[in-house]
Amino acid sequence: MSDKFYYKNWFVVLMLFLFFPVGLFLMWKGQKFSKKARIGITLLIFSMGVIGSFTEEDVSTDSNQLAQEQEEVEQEVEEEEPKEYTFDEYVQVFVERKLGRTTNTGNARYLGHSFSDSDGVLEIKLRASENLTSNMTRGGIKLDTKDVFSEFFTEFSEVDDLVLSWKMKLVDQRGNESLSRVLLISNTRENNQTINWGNVITDNIPNIVDSYWVHPAIR
């Protein structure tokens, strides 16, 4: 038996690596290695096979679950129709996308709007964020104004003149509080097309828009 090549140690070891059932058979049939070694090799191979089967099953389960979840997400995306806004709805949506829903004090940013079909003038009422100084408050308003004007006219073909009416809570001499207009900025579509807002310095906004008015409280 020992003369046959398939009982040679090198061939038995090769079979254990390439096709372990044949290798195990030859190892035990040819009584290769010591009995303890044969038992140890057999247990090692079977334990590797068990672990491998569990791992393969887990991977298969995870892959199937992932594929199922991805399919469900894709189906939801396909079924979800894009919302179509009316003009009035989209004005608010646009403002909140650009400036956020609330100010830095948690108040609603968008306060309403009015639109004149006859001359294409849209006035949007906005609440300004408060800051430590008048200069910083005014600077924040101009920065927000820049963000709105930079994209507004490409989104609203119906509008020829945009007016931003910025408001804040002011206290009069008698100590009464009221939400008052502190800055009014207007710009026409024609003028807006001549401005590269990406390169505009906010301090220059009063000089390049069609109309600019600021309340003495934040000058």
Foldseek 3Di string as FASTA:
>chain_A
DCVDPCLDPVNLVVCCVVPNVSSLVSCVVSVPDDPVVSVVSVVVVVVVVVVVVVVVVVVVVVVVVVVVVVVVVVVVVVVDDDDDDDPQVVVLVLLCVQPNQAAPVRHGFWDGWDADQVQQEIETEGEFHDDDALVVSVLRVLVSVLSCLQCPCVVDVSHFKYKYFYWDWDADPVRDTDTDTFKIFMAGPVLSVVDNSVPDDSVCRCVRGPHIDGHPVRD
